[in-house]
Amino acid sequence: MPDSANEESHSPPAANKIVTAIIVHRIRPGTEPRYDAWLNDIREASRRFPGYLSTDIIRPVPGHQQHSIILRFQNFEALSDWMESDVRRSFLKRIEPILEDVDRYEIRTGIDFLFDPPGRAKHPVRWKQFLITWSAIFPLTILVPWLLKPLFDNVPLLGSPLPSKAVGAGCIVFLMVYVLMPPYTQAVSKWLFR
């Protein structure tokens, strides 16, 4: 079995853009504990590579065995160094016996992956993207400033109009990209891609 199957061939993204690898694994039933231990180990290994930013895991819905790993690096070169490293190859060899299929991945820049998860040929219509994005941002625009108010009250410099808006917007974008949208789009995917 080959180490990986790259589903899309792109020219390398701009060198200074944050790059995301979306990795898809289908594992054999009953191997979840072994796979979870492997995920913890490979996450720790990837953290030691220059340019590493974060890893998110999207667990399968009940009855399915497909795991999605969203891996972010500071730029294309840093991500390529990890994806093509001997360290990652040795991890793939270790997990090969429990994979139903090859290690598949796509490389994306920006936040494209929020509305274009792996394995989907069809893109959602714009009005659905708008509704999903609005429904995620709207509660954050209420919740985040409320949660940050004690900080702004105790640090007057941050509480002035421009810094408070910058901090609030940064928190909202961070929560959207790294926390909320990947599981949210997964949860509504049947409607989103219908």
N, C-alpha and C. Protein backbone atom coordinates (compact mmCIF):
# COMPACT_ATOMS: atom_id res chain seq x y z
N MET A 1 0.84 -1.18 0.00
CA MET A 1 0.00 0.00 0.00
C MET A 1 0.88 1.23 0.00
N PRO A 2 0.62 2.23 -0.86
CA PRO A 2 1.47 3.40 -0.88
C PRO A 2 1.29 4.22 0.38
N ASP A 3 2.30 5.04 0.68
CA ASP A 3 2.23 5.85 1.88
C ASP A 3 1.06 6.82 1.84
N SER A 4 0.80 7.42 0.69
CA SER A 4 -0.28 8.39 0.62
C SER A 4 -0.79 8.49 -0.79
N ALA A 5 -2.02 8.98 -0.90
CA ALA A 5 -2.61 9.24 -2.20
C ALA A 5 -3.11 10.66 -2.18
N ASN A 6 -2.43 11.55 -2.88
CA ASN A 6 -2.81 12.95 -2.90
C ASN A 6 -3.95 13.11 -3.88
N GLU A 7 -5.15 13.51 -3.38
CA GLU A 7 -6.34 13.54 -4.21
C GLU A 7 -6.34 14.66 -5.22
N GLU A 8 -5.66 15.76 -4.95
CA GLU A 8 -5.63 16.88 -5.87
C GLU A 8 -4.21 17.30 -6.06
N SER A 9 -3.85 17.63 -7.28
CA SER A 9 -2.51 18.17 -7.48
C SER A 9 -2.65 19.66 -7.70
N HIS A 10 -1.98 20.43 -6.86
CA HIS A 10 -2.01 21.89 -6.92
C HIS A 10 -0.60 22.36 -7.21
N SER A 11 -0.50 23.56 -7.77
CA SER A 11 0.79 24.22 -7.70
C SER A 11 0.91 24.71 -6.27
N PRO A 12 2.13 24.81 -5.73
CA PRO A 12 2.28 25.19 -4.33
C PRO A 12 1.61 26.53 -4.05
N PRO A 13 0.91 26.64 -2.91
CA PRO A 13 0.31 27.91 -2.52
C PRO A 13 1.39 28.95 -2.25
N ALA A 14 0.98 30.20 -2.14
CA ALA A 14 1.92 31.28 -1.85
C ALA A 14 2.68 30.94 -0.57
N ALA A 15 3.98 31.25 -0.58
CA ALA A 15 4.88 30.82 0.49
C ALA A 15 4.50 31.36 1.85
N ASN A 16 3.84 32.54 1.91
CA ASN A 16 3.57 33.16 3.21
C ASN A 16 2.18 32.90 3.74
N LYS A 17 1.39 32.03 3.09
CA LYS A 17 0.02 31.76 3.53
C LYS A 17 -0.02 30.55 4.45
N ILE A 18 -0.90 30.61 5.46
CA ILE A 18 -1.15 29.44 6.30
C ILE A 18 -1.75 28.35 5.42
N VAL A 19 -1.25 27.14 5.59
CA VAL A 19 -1.66 26.02 4.73
C VAL A 19 -2.27 24.93 5.60
N THR A 20 -3.32 24.32 5.07
CA THR A 20 -4.05 23.27 5.78
C THR A 20 -3.97 21.98 4.99
N ALA A 21 -3.65 20.90 5.66
CA ALA A 21 -3.76 19.57 5.06
C ALA A 21 -4.97 18.90 5.67
N ILE A 22 -5.84 18.37 4.82
CA ILE A 22 -7.01 17.65 5.28
C ILE A 22 -6.75 16.18 4.97
N ILE A 23 -6.57 15.39 6.01
CA ILE A 23 -6.18 13.99 5.88
C ILE A 23 -7.38 13.12 6.24
N VAL A 24 -7.66 12.13 5.43
CA VAL A 24 -8.81 11.26 5.65
C VAL A 24 -8.34 9.83 5.85
N HIS A 25 -8.80 9.22 6.94
CA HIS A 25 -8.51 7.80 7.22
C HIS A 25 -9.82 7.07 7.47
N ARG A 26 -9.98 5.94 6.81
CA ARG A 26 -11.07 5.01 7.15
C ARG A 26 -10.41 3.83 7.86
N ILE A 27 -10.82 3.60 9.10
CA ILE A 27 -10.16 2.54 9.88
C ILE A 27 -11.08 1.33 10.01
N ARG A 28 -10.46 0.19 10.30
CA ARG A 28 -11.23 -1.05 10.46
C ARG A 28 -12.02 -1.00 11.77
N PRO A 29 -13.25 -1.51 11.76
CA PRO A 29 -14.05 -1.54 12.99
C PRO A 29 -13.31 -2.27 14.12
N GLY A 30 -13.44 -1.75 15.33
CA GLY A 30 -12.81 -2.36 16.49
C GLY A 30 -11.40 -1.90 16.75
N THR A 31 -10.85 -1.03 15.89
CA THR A 31 -9.47 -0.58 16.05
C THR A 31 -9.38 0.84 16.61
N GLU A 32 -10.51 1.38 17.08
CA GLU A 32 -10.55 2.78 17.53
C GLU A 32 -9.53 3.09 18.64
N PRO A 33 -9.40 2.25 19.68
CA PRO A 33 -8.42 2.59 20.72
C PRO A 33 -6.99 2.67 20.18
N ARG A 34 -6.64 1.74 19.31
CA ARG A 34 -5.30 1.76 18.72
C ARG A 34 -5.11 3.01 17.85
N TYR A 35 -6.15 3.36 17.09
CA TYR A 35 -6.06 4.54 16.23
C TYR A 35 -5.95 5.82 17.07
N ASP A 36 -6.73 5.90 18.16
CA ASP A 36 -6.67 7.09 19.02
C ASP A 36 -5.28 7.25 19.63
N ALA A 37 -4.68 6.16 20.06
CA ALA A 37 -3.31 6.24 20.62
C ALA A 37 -2.33 6.71 19.55
N TRP A 38 -2.50 6.19 18.33
CA TRP A 38 -1.65 6.60 17.21
C TRP A 38 -1.82 8.09 16.91
N LEU A 39 -3.07 8.58 16.94
CA LEU A 39 -3.33 10.00 16.69
C LEU A 39 -2.60 10.88 17.71
N ASN A 40 -2.65 10.48 18.99
CA ASN A 40 -1.95 11.25 20.03
C ASN A 40 -0.45 11.29 19.77
N ASP A 41 0.12 10.15 19.38
CA ASP A 41 1.56 10.08 19.13
C ASP A 41 1.97 10.92 17.93
N ILE A 42 1.20 10.82 16.82
CA ILE A 42 1.60 11.55 15.62
C ILE A 42 1.37 13.05 15.80
N ARG A 43 0.37 13.41 16.58
CA ARG A 43 0.16 14.84 16.86
C ARG A 43 1.35 15.42 17.60
N GLU A 44 1.85 14.68 18.60
CA GLU A 44 3.03 15.14 19.34
C GLU A 44 4.24 15.25 18.43
N ALA A 45 4.39 14.30 17.52
CA ALA A 45 5.54 14.33 16.59
C ALA A 45 5.43 15.52 15.65
N SER A 46 4.25 15.81 15.14
CA SER A 46 4.09 16.94 14.21
C SER A 46 4.33 18.27 14.90
N ARG A 47 3.99 18.36 16.19
CA ARG A 47 4.20 19.60 16.95
C ARG A 47 5.67 19.99 17.00
N ARG A 48 6.55 19.02 16.89
CA ARG A 48 7.99 19.30 16.99
C ARG A 48 8.57 19.82 15.67
N PHE A 49 7.77 19.83 14.60
CA PHE A 49 8.26 20.31 13.31
C PHE A 49 8.09 21.83 13.21
N PRO A 50 9.09 22.53 12.63
CA PRO A 50 8.98 23.99 12.49
C PRO A 50 7.75 24.37 11.66
N GLY A 51 7.08 25.42 12.11
CA GLY A 51 5.93 25.93 11.37
C GLY A 51 4.60 25.31 11.76
N TYR A 52 4.61 24.33 12.66
CA TYR A 52 3.37 23.68 13.09
C TYR A 52 2.47 24.70 13.80
N LEU A 53 1.16 24.68 13.49
CA LEU A 53 0.21 25.56 14.16
C LEU A 53 -0.82 24.78 14.99
N SER A 54 -1.50 23.81 14.37
CA SER A 54 -2.55 23.11 15.13
C SER A 54 -2.99 21.85 14.42
N THR A 55 -3.67 21.01 15.18
CA THR A 55 -4.30 19.79 14.65
C THR A 55 -5.71 19.70 15.22
N ASP A 56 -6.68 19.46 14.36
CA ASP A 56 -8.05 19.20 14.79
C ASP A 56 -8.47 17.84 14.24
N ILE A 57 -9.21 17.10 15.04
CA ILE A 57 -9.70 15.78 14.63
C ILE A 57 -11.22 15.86 14.53
N ILE A 58 -11.76 15.44 13.40
CA ILE A 58 -13.21 15.33 13.25
C ILE A 58 -13.53 13.85 13.31
N ARG A 59 -14.19 13.46 14.39
CA ARG A 59 -14.54 12.05 14.60
C ARG A 59 -15.68 11.64 13.69
N PRO A 60 -15.78 10.38 13.36
CA PRO A 60 -16.87 9.94 12.48
C PRO A 60 -18.21 9.96 13.19
N VAL A 61 -19.26 10.12 12.39
CA VAL A 61 -20.61 10.00 12.94
C VAL A 61 -20.84 8.52 13.26
N PRO A 62 -21.72 8.20 14.19
CA PRO A 62 -21.95 6.79 14.55
C PRO A 62 -22.26 5.93 13.32
N GLY A 63 -21.64 4.76 13.28
CA GLY A 63 -21.85 3.84 12.17
C GLY A 63 -20.87 4.01 11.04
N HIS A 64 -19.99 5.01 11.13
CA HIS A 64 -18.99 5.23 10.08
C HIS A 64 -17.60 5.17 10.69
N GLN A 65 -16.62 4.97 9.85
CA GLN A 65 -15.25 4.80 10.33
C GLN A 65 -14.29 5.84 9.75
N GLN A 66 -14.81 6.91 9.15
CA GLN A 66 -13.94 7.89 8.52
C GLN A 66 -13.56 9.00 9.49
N HIS A 67 -12.28 9.14 9.73
CA HIS A 67 -11.74 10.21 10.56
C HIS A 67 -11.12 11.25 9.65
N SER A 68 -11.31 12.53 9.97
CA SER A 68 -10.67 13.62 9.23
C SER A 68 -9.75 14.36 10.18
N ILE A 69 -8.53 14.60 9.71
CA ILE A 69 -7.53 15.31 10.50
C ILE A 69 -7.24 16.61 9.77
N ILE A 70 -7.40 17.73 10.45
CA ILE A 70 -7.13 19.04 9.86
C ILE A 70 -5.84 19.54 10.49
N LEU A 71 -4.81 19.64 9.68
CA LEU A 71 -3.45 19.95 10.14
C LEU A 71 -3.03 21.27 9.53
N ARG A 72 -2.61 22.22 10.35
CA ARG A 72 -2.23 23.55 9.85
C ARG A 72 -0.76 23.84 10.13
N PHE A 73 -0.12 24.41 9.11
CA PHE A 73 1.27 24.86 9.22
C PHE A 73 1.36 26.30 8.72
N GLN A 74 2.44 26.98 9.09
CA GLN A 74 2.59 28.40 8.75
C GLN A 74 2.70 28.65 7.26
N ASN A 75 3.24 27.70 6.52
CA ASN A 75 3.38 27.90 5.07
C ASN A 75 3.52 26.55 4.38
N PHE A 76 3.50 26.57 3.07
CA PHE A 76 3.53 25.36 2.28
C PHE A 76 4.82 24.56 2.49
N GLU A 77 5.93 25.26 2.57
CA GLU A 77 7.22 24.57 2.74
C GLU A 77 7.27 23.80 4.06
N ALA A 78 6.79 24.44 5.14
CA ALA A 78 6.78 23.77 6.46
C ALA A 78 5.87 22.55 6.44
N LEU A 79 4.69 22.69 5.83
CA LEU A 79 3.77 21.56 5.74
C LEU A 79 4.37 20.43 4.91
N SER A 80 4.98 20.77 3.79
CA SER A 80 5.61 19.75 2.93
C SER A 80 6.71 19.00 3.66
N ASP A 81 7.49 19.75 4.45
CA ASP A 81 8.56 19.10 5.22
C ASP A 81 7.98 18.02 6.13
N TRP A 82 6.84 18.32 6.77
CA TRP A 82 6.21 17.32 7.64
C TRP A 82 5.60 16.18 6.82
N MET A 83 4.82 16.52 5.80
CA MET A 83 4.09 15.51 5.04
C MET A 83 5.03 14.52 4.35
N GLU A 84 6.22 14.97 3.96
CA GLU A 84 7.16 14.12 3.24
C GLU A 84 8.28 13.59 4.13
N SER A 85 8.15 13.80 5.43
CA SER A 85 9.23 13.43 6.35
C SER A 85 9.27 11.92 6.60
N ASP A 86 10.46 11.45 6.95
CA ASP A 86 10.62 10.05 7.35
C ASP A 86 9.84 9.75 8.62
N VAL A 87 9.70 10.75 9.48
CA VAL A 87 8.94 10.57 10.73
C VAL A 87 7.50 10.23 10.40
N ARG A 88 6.88 11.01 9.52
CA ARG A 88 5.48 10.74 9.15
C ARG A 88 5.36 9.40 8.43
N ARG A 89 6.31 9.08 7.56
CA ARG A 89 6.27 7.79 6.86
C ARG A 89 6.30 6.62 7.84
N SER A 90 7.11 6.75 8.88
CA SER A 90 7.19 5.65 9.85
C SER A 90 5.87 5.53 10.63
N PHE A 91 5.21 6.66 10.90
CA PHE A 91 3.90 6.61 11.56
C PHE A 91 2.87 5.95 10.65
N LEU A 92 2.92 6.24 9.35
CA LEU A 92 1.97 5.62 8.41
C LEU A 92 2.19 4.11 8.33
N LYS A 93 3.43 3.70 8.35
CA LYS A 93 3.74 2.25 8.33
C LYS A 93 3.13 1.57 9.56
N ARG A 94 3.24 2.26 10.69
CA ARG A 94 2.75 1.70 11.95
C ARG A 94 1.23 1.50 11.94
N ILE A 95 0.51 2.40 11.28
CA ILE A 95 -0.95 2.36 11.32
C ILE A 95 -1.54 1.64 10.10
N GLU A 96 -0.71 1.34 9.13
CA GLU A 96 -1.17 0.71 7.87
C GLU A 96 -2.09 -0.50 8.07
N PRO A 97 -1.80 -1.41 9.00
CA PRO A 97 -2.64 -2.60 9.13
C PRO A 97 -4.10 -2.33 9.52
N ILE A 98 -4.38 -1.18 10.14
CA ILE A 98 -5.77 -0.94 10.55
C ILE A 98 -6.51 0.02 9.62
N LEU A 99 -5.85 0.51 8.58
CA LEU A 99 -6.53 1.40 7.62
C LEU A 99 -7.27 0.58 6.57
N GLU A 100 -8.50 0.98 6.27
CA GLU A 100 -9.28 0.33 5.21
C GLU A 100 -8.81 0.77 3.84
N ASP A 101 -8.20 1.95 3.77
CA ASP A 101 -7.81 2.54 2.50
C ASP A 101 -6.49 3.26 2.71
N VAL A 102 -5.93 3.81 1.63
CA VAL A 102 -4.67 4.54 1.76
C VAL A 102 -4.88 5.84 2.52
N ASP A 103 -3.81 6.39 3.02
CA ASP A 103 -3.79 7.71 3.66
C ASP A 103 -4.04 8.73 2.54
N ARG A 104 -5.18 9.42 2.58
CA ARG A 104 -5.51 10.41 1.54
C ARG A 104 -5.46 11.81 2.15
N TYR A 105 -4.96 12.77 1.36
CA TYR A 105 -4.95 14.13 1.86
C TYR A 105 -5.07 15.14 0.72
N GLU A 106 -5.54 16.33 1.10
CA GLU A 106 -5.59 17.49 0.22
C GLU A 106 -4.92 18.64 0.95
N ILE A 107 -4.31 19.54 0.19
CA ILE A 107 -3.68 20.71 0.78
C ILE A 107 -4.43 21.94 0.32
N ARG A 108 -4.80 22.79 1.29
CA ARG A 108 -5.58 23.99 1.01
C ARG A 108 -4.97 25.19 1.71
N THR A 109 -5.29 26.38 1.21
CA THR A 109 -4.90 27.61 1.89
C THR A 109 -6.16 28.28 2.42
N GLY A 110 -5.98 29.23 3.33
CA GLY A 110 -7.10 30.01 3.83
C GLY A 110 -8.11 29.14 4.56
N ILE A 111 -9.41 29.47 4.38
CA ILE A 111 -10.47 28.74 5.06
C ILE A 111 -11.34 27.97 4.07
N ASP A 112 -10.79 27.67 2.88
CA ASP A 112 -11.55 26.89 1.89
C ASP A 112 -12.11 25.61 2.48
N PHE A 113 -11.35 24.96 3.34
CA PHE A 113 -11.73 23.65 3.83
C PHE A 113 -13.02 23.68 4.65
N LEU A 114 -13.43 24.86 5.13
CA LEU A 114 -14.64 24.93 5.94
C LEU A 114 -15.87 24.49 5.16
N PHE A 115 -15.88 24.82 3.85
CA PHE A 115 -17.04 24.48 3.03
C PHE A 115 -16.71 23.48 1.95
N ASP A 116 -15.58 22.85 2.03
CA ASP A 116 -15.20 21.90 0.99
C ASP A 116 -14.47 20.74 1.63
N PRO A 117 -15.16 19.95 2.48
CA PRO A 117 -14.48 18.87 3.17
C PRO A 117 -14.02 17.79 2.23
N PRO A 118 -13.07 16.95 2.66
CA PRO A 118 -12.52 15.93 1.79
C PRO A 118 -13.57 14.95 1.32
N GLY A 119 -13.39 14.48 0.11
CA GLY A 119 -14.26 13.46 -0.45
C GLY A 119 -15.52 14.02 -1.08
N ARG A 120 -15.69 15.33 -1.09
CA ARG A 120 -16.89 15.94 -1.66
C ARG A 120 -16.53 16.57 -3.00
N ALA A 121 -17.20 16.16 -4.06
CA ALA A 121 -17.00 16.78 -5.36
C ALA A 121 -17.90 18.00 -5.50
N LYS A 122 -19.03 18.01 -4.80
CA LYS A 122 -20.02 19.07 -4.93
C LYS A 122 -19.76 20.16 -3.89
N HIS A 123 -19.80 21.41 -4.33
CA HIS A 123 -19.64 22.54 -3.41
C HIS A 123 -21.03 23.02 -2.99
N PRO A 124 -21.20 23.46 -1.74
CA PRO A 124 -22.52 23.95 -1.33
C PRO A 124 -22.85 25.28 -2.02
N VAL A 125 -24.14 25.54 -2.18
CA VAL A 125 -24.56 26.80 -2.80
C VAL A 125 -24.24 27.95 -1.85
N ARG A 126 -24.07 29.15 -2.41
CA ARG A 126 -23.63 30.30 -1.63
C ARG A 126 -24.61 30.66 -0.51
N TRP A 127 -25.92 30.59 -0.76
CA TRP A 127 -26.87 31.00 0.27
C TRP A 127 -26.79 30.09 1.49
N LYS A 128 -26.46 28.80 1.28
CA LYS A 128 -26.29 27.90 2.42
C LYS A 128 -25.00 28.23 3.17
N GLN A 129 -23.94 28.57 2.44
CA GLN A 129 -22.71 28.99 3.09
C GLN A 129 -22.96 30.24 3.94
N PHE A 130 -23.74 31.17 3.36
CA PHE A 130 -24.07 32.40 4.10
C PHE A 130 -24.81 32.07 5.39
N LEU A 131 -25.84 31.22 5.31
CA LEU A 131 -26.64 30.89 6.50
C LEU A 131 -25.81 30.20 7.57
N ILE A 132 -24.96 29.26 7.15
CA ILE A 132 -24.13 28.54 8.11
C ILE A 132 -23.15 29.51 8.78
N THR A 133 -22.48 30.35 7.98
CA THR A 133 -21.51 31.29 8.53
C THR A 133 -22.20 32.29 9.46
N TRP A 134 -23.34 32.86 9.03
CA TRP A 134 -24.07 33.81 9.86
C TRP A 134 -24.52 33.17 11.17
N SER A 135 -25.06 31.95 11.07
CA SER A 135 -25.57 31.30 12.28
C SER A 135 -24.46 30.95 13.27
N ALA A 136 -23.23 30.83 12.79
CA ALA A 136 -22.09 30.58 13.68
C ALA A 136 -21.53 31.89 14.24
N ILE A 137 -21.46 32.93 13.39
CA ILE A 137 -20.86 34.20 13.82
C ILE A 137 -21.79 34.97 14.75
N PHE A 138 -23.09 34.97 14.46
CA PHE A 138 -24.03 35.80 15.24
C PHE A 138 -23.93 35.54 16.75
N PRO A 139 -24.02 34.27 17.21
CA PRO A 139 -23.90 34.07 18.66
C PRO A 139 -22.53 34.46 19.21
N LEU A 140 -21.49 34.28 18.39
CA LEU A 140 -20.15 34.66 18.85
C LEU A 140 -20.03 36.16 19.04
N THR A 141 -20.70 36.96 18.19
CA THR A 141 -20.62 38.43 18.34
C THR A 141 -21.30 38.90 19.62
N ILE A 142 -22.17 38.09 20.18
CA ILE A 142 -22.80 38.42 21.46
C ILE A 142 -21.98 37.85 22.62
N LEU A 143 -21.59 36.59 22.49
CA LEU A 143 -20.92 35.87 23.57
C LEU A 143 -19.49 36.37 23.82
N VAL A 144 -18.70 36.54 22.76
CA VAL A 144 -17.28 36.89 22.93
C VAL A 144 -17.11 38.24 23.62
N PRO A 145 -17.77 39.34 23.17
CA PRO A 145 -17.61 40.61 23.90
C PRO A 145 -18.04 40.52 25.37
N TRP A 146 -19.11 39.75 25.63
CA TRP A 146 -19.58 39.59 27.00
C TRP A 146 -18.52 38.89 27.85
N LEU A 147 -17.89 37.82 27.29
CA LEU A 147 -16.85 37.10 28.01
C LEU A 147 -15.58 37.93 28.18
N LEU A 148 -15.31 38.83 27.23
CA LEU A 148 -14.09 39.65 27.29
C LEU A 148 -14.27 40.89 28.16
N LYS A 149 -15.49 41.24 28.52
CA LYS A 149 -15.75 42.47 29.27
C LYS A 149 -14.92 42.56 30.56
N PRO A 150 -14.82 41.49 31.37
CA PRO A 150 -13.96 41.61 32.57
C PRO A 150 -12.51 41.95 32.24
N LEU A 151 -11.99 41.38 31.16
CA LEU A 151 -10.61 41.70 30.76
C LEU A 151 -10.51 43.17 30.38
N PHE A 152 -11.47 43.67 29.59
CA PHE A 152 -11.44 45.07 29.15
C PHE A 152 -11.61 46.01 30.34
N ASP A 153 -12.42 45.61 31.34
CA ASP A 153 -12.62 46.44 32.53
C ASP A 153 -11.34 46.55 33.36
N ASN A 154 -10.56 45.46 33.38
CA ASN A 154 -9.34 45.44 34.19
C ASN A 154 -8.11 45.96 33.47
N VAL A 155 -8.16 46.00 32.14
CA VAL A 155 -7.04 46.51 31.35
C VAL A 155 -7.58 47.62 30.44
N PRO A 156 -7.62 48.85 30.94
CA PRO A 156 -8.25 49.94 30.21
C PRO A 156 -7.72 50.14 28.79
N LEU A 157 -6.44 49.90 28.57
CA LEU A 157 -5.89 50.07 27.22
C LEU A 157 -6.58 49.13 26.23
N LEU A 158 -6.81 47.88 26.64
CA LEU A 158 -7.50 46.93 25.77
C LEU A 158 -8.98 47.27 25.62
N GLY A 159 -9.54 47.96 26.62
CA GLY A 159 -10.96 48.29 26.60
C GLY A 159 -11.32 49.47 25.73
N SER A 160 -10.33 50.22 25.24
CA SER A 160 -10.64 51.34 24.34
C SER A 160 -11.17 50.80 23.02
N PRO A 161 -11.91 51.62 22.26
CA PRO A 161 -12.68 51.10 21.11
C PRO A 161 -11.89 50.25 20.11
N LEU A 162 -10.79 50.74 19.59
CA LEU A 162 -10.09 49.99 18.55
C LEU A 162 -9.46 48.70 19.06
N PRO A 163 -8.69 48.71 20.16
CA PRO A 163 -8.13 47.44 20.66
C PRO A 163 -9.20 46.41 21.05
N SER A 164 -10.30 46.87 21.66
CA SER A 164 -11.33 45.91 22.08
C SER A 164 -11.98 45.25 20.86
N LYS A 165 -12.19 46.03 19.80
CA LYS A 165 -12.75 45.46 18.56
C LYS A 165 -11.76 44.48 17.92
N ALA A 166 -10.46 44.83 17.93
CA ALA A 166 -9.44 43.96 17.34
C ALA A 166 -9.35 42.64 18.10
N VAL A 167 -9.33 42.70 19.43
CA VAL A 167 -9.25 41.48 20.25
C VAL A 167 -10.51 40.64 20.06
N GLY A 168 -11.67 41.29 20.08
CA GLY A 168 -12.93 40.57 19.89
C GLY A 168 -13.01 39.89 18.54
N ALA A 169 -12.64 40.63 17.49
CA ALA A 169 -12.67 40.05 16.14
C ALA A 169 -11.69 38.90 16.02
N GLY A 170 -10.50 39.04 16.62
CA GLY A 170 -9.51 37.96 16.58
C GLY A 170 -10.02 36.70 17.26
N CYS A 171 -10.68 36.86 18.40
CA CYS A 171 -11.23 35.71 19.12
C CYS A 171 -12.33 35.04 18.30
N ILE A 172 -13.19 35.85 17.67
CA ILE A 172 -14.28 35.30 16.86
C ILE A 172 -13.74 34.52 15.67
N VAL A 173 -12.77 35.10 14.96
CA VAL A 173 -12.19 34.41 13.80
C VAL A 173 -11.50 33.12 14.23
N PHE A 174 -10.74 33.19 15.33
CA PHE A 174 -10.07 31.99 15.84
C PHE A 174 -11.07 30.89 16.15
N LEU A 175 -12.14 31.24 16.87
CA LEU A 175 -13.16 30.25 17.23
C LEU A 175 -13.85 29.68 15.99
N MET A 176 -14.11 30.55 15.01
CA MET A 176 -14.76 30.09 13.77
C MET A 176 -13.89 29.07 13.04
N VAL A 177 -12.63 29.43 12.81
CA VAL A 177 -11.75 28.61 11.97
C VAL A 177 -11.26 27.36 12.68
N TYR A 178 -10.87 27.50 13.94
CA TYR A 178 -10.22 26.39 14.62
C TYR A 178 -11.14 25.54 15.50
N VAL A 179 -12.27 26.09 15.94
CA VAL A 179 -13.09 25.37 16.91
C VAL A 179 -14.47 25.03 16.36
N LEU A 180 -15.17 26.02 15.85
CA LEU A 180 -16.60 25.84 15.57
C LEU A 180 -16.92 25.26 14.21
N MET A 181 -16.34 25.82 13.15
CA MET A 181 -16.80 25.47 11.81
C MET A 181 -16.52 24.03 11.37
N PRO A 182 -15.36 23.45 11.66
CA PRO A 182 -15.18 22.06 11.19
C PRO A 182 -16.25 21.10 11.72
N PRO A 183 -16.53 21.06 13.04
CA PRO A 183 -17.59 20.13 13.47
C PRO A 183 -18.99 20.59 13.06
N TYR A 184 -19.20 21.92 12.97
CA TYR A 184 -20.51 22.44 12.60
C TYR A 184 -20.86 22.04 11.16
N THR A 185 -19.94 22.26 10.21
CA THR A 185 -20.22 21.89 8.82
C THR A 185 -20.38 20.38 8.69
N GLN A 186 -19.66 19.61 9.50
CA GLN A 186 -19.81 18.16 9.49
C GLN A 186 -21.22 17.78 9.97
N ALA A 187 -21.68 18.45 11.01
CA ALA A 187 -22.99 18.12 11.59
C ALA A 187 -24.15 18.43 10.63
N VAL A 188 -23.99 19.49 9.82
CA VAL A 188 -25.08 19.87 8.90
C VAL A 188 -24.78 19.48 7.46
N SER A 189 -23.81 18.59 7.26
CA SER A 189 -23.34 18.29 5.90
C SER A 189 -24.43 17.73 4.99
N LYS A 190 -25.36 16.93 5.54
CA LYS A 190 -26.42 16.37 4.68
C LYS A 190 -27.24 17.48 4.05
N TRP A 191 -27.62 18.47 4.86
CA TRP A 191 -28.38 19.61 4.34
C TRP A 191 -27.50 20.50 3.47
N LEU A 192 -26.28 20.77 3.94
CA LEU A 192 -25.39 21.70 3.25
C LEU A 192 -25.07 21.27 1.83
N PHE A 193 -24.87 19.95 1.63
CA PHE A 193 -24.45 19.47 0.32
C PHE A 193 -25.60 18.87 -0.50
N ARG A 194 -26.83 19.00 0.00
CA ARG A 194 -27.98 18.45 -0.73
C ARG A 194 -28.31 19.30 -1.94
